């Protein structure tokens, strides 16, 4: 399916937000999504709902990581 992830439109095989987060961050070798947030079509999705939140063709997803500084 085609999704827009962090402003980039591309083909994605993930079926839910948890799978998408794993795929998008696999190069970082993270143990958990601590410090990350995901918005689906402009609405924040709580981490405990990532696994049960399905993705659909055309969805817009923003994956952000909290950073320190100013």
Protein backbone atom coordinates (compact mmCIF):
# COMPACT_ATOMS: atom_id res chain seq x y z
CA UNK A 1 0.00 0.00 0.00
CA UNK A 2 1.08 3.59 -0.52
CA UNK A 3 1.61 5.68 2.61
CA UNK A 4 3.15 9.05 3.29
CA UNK A 5 5.69 8.58 6.08
CA UNK A 6 7.30 11.73 7.47
CA UNK A 7 6.39 13.58 4.29
CA UNK A 8 7.73 10.93 1.90
CA UNK A 9 5.25 8.94 -0.20
CA UNK A 10 6.25 5.29 -0.62
CA UNK A 11 5.17 1.66 -0.80
CA UNK A 12 4.89 0.06 2.66
CA UNK A 13 4.17 -3.58 3.57
CA UNK A 14 3.46 -3.02 7.30
CA UNK A 15 -0.11 -3.67 8.42
CA UNK A 16 -0.12 -1.68 11.68
CA UNK A 17 1.75 1.14 13.41
CA UNK A 18 3.89 -1.17 15.57
CA UNK A 19 5.20 -3.01 12.48
CA UNK A 20 5.82 0.29 10.71
CA UNK A 21 7.77 1.68 13.68
CA UNK A 22 9.93 -1.47 13.77
CA UNK A 23 10.62 -1.27 10.04
CA UNK A 24 11.36 2.46 10.07
CA UNK A 25 13.78 2.24 13.03
CA UNK A 26 15.39 -1.19 12.45
CA UNK A 27 18.68 0.43 11.39
CA UNK A 28 18.91 2.04 14.86
CA UNK A 29 18.81 -1.32 16.72
CA UNK A 30 16.43 0.02 19.38
CA UNK A 31 14.98 -2.21 22.08
CA UNK A 32 11.81 -0.19 22.60
CA UNK A 33 9.92 2.79 21.19
CA UNK A 34 10.65 4.88 24.28
CA UNK A 35 10.79 8.54 23.32
CA UNK A 36 8.87 8.05 20.06
CA UNK A 37 5.42 9.24 19.07
CA UNK A 38 3.30 8.45 16.02
CA UNK A 39 0.54 10.52 14.46
CA UNK A 40 -1.82 8.87 11.97
CA UNK A 41 -3.61 11.26 9.64
CA UNK A 42 -2.91 14.11 12.05
CA UNK A 43 -4.05 12.36 15.24
CA UNK A 44 -1.65 11.15 17.93
CA UNK A 45 -1.92 7.39 18.58
CA UNK A 46 -0.96 6.11 22.04
CA UNK A 47 1.81 3.49 22.10
CA UNK A 48 -0.49 0.90 23.65
CA UNK A 49 -2.65 1.15 20.51
CA UNK A 50 0.09 0.90 17.87
CA UNK A 51 -0.33 -2.88 17.52
CA UNK A 52 -4.09 -2.65 17.04
CA UNK A 53 -4.05 0.42 14.76
CA UNK A 54 -4.28 -0.79 11.16
CA UNK A 55 -2.90 1.14 8.22
CA UNK A 56 -4.82 1.88 5.03
CA UNK A 57 -3.73 2.91 1.56
CA UNK A 58 -3.20 6.67 1.45
CA UNK A 59 -2.64 7.15 5.20
CA UNK A 60 -0.28 9.88 6.40
CA UNK A 61 2.04 8.84 9.23
CA UNK A 62 4.46 11.01 11.19
CA UNK A 63 7.01 9.23 13.38
CA UNK A 64 8.87 11.59 15.69
CA UNK A 65 11.48 11.18 18.39
CA UNK A 66 11.73 13.48 21.40
CA UNK A 67 15.03 15.36 21.49
CA UNK A 68 16.65 17.51 24.16
CA UNK A 69 17.84 20.98 23.47
CA UNK A 70 16.40 24.21 22.31
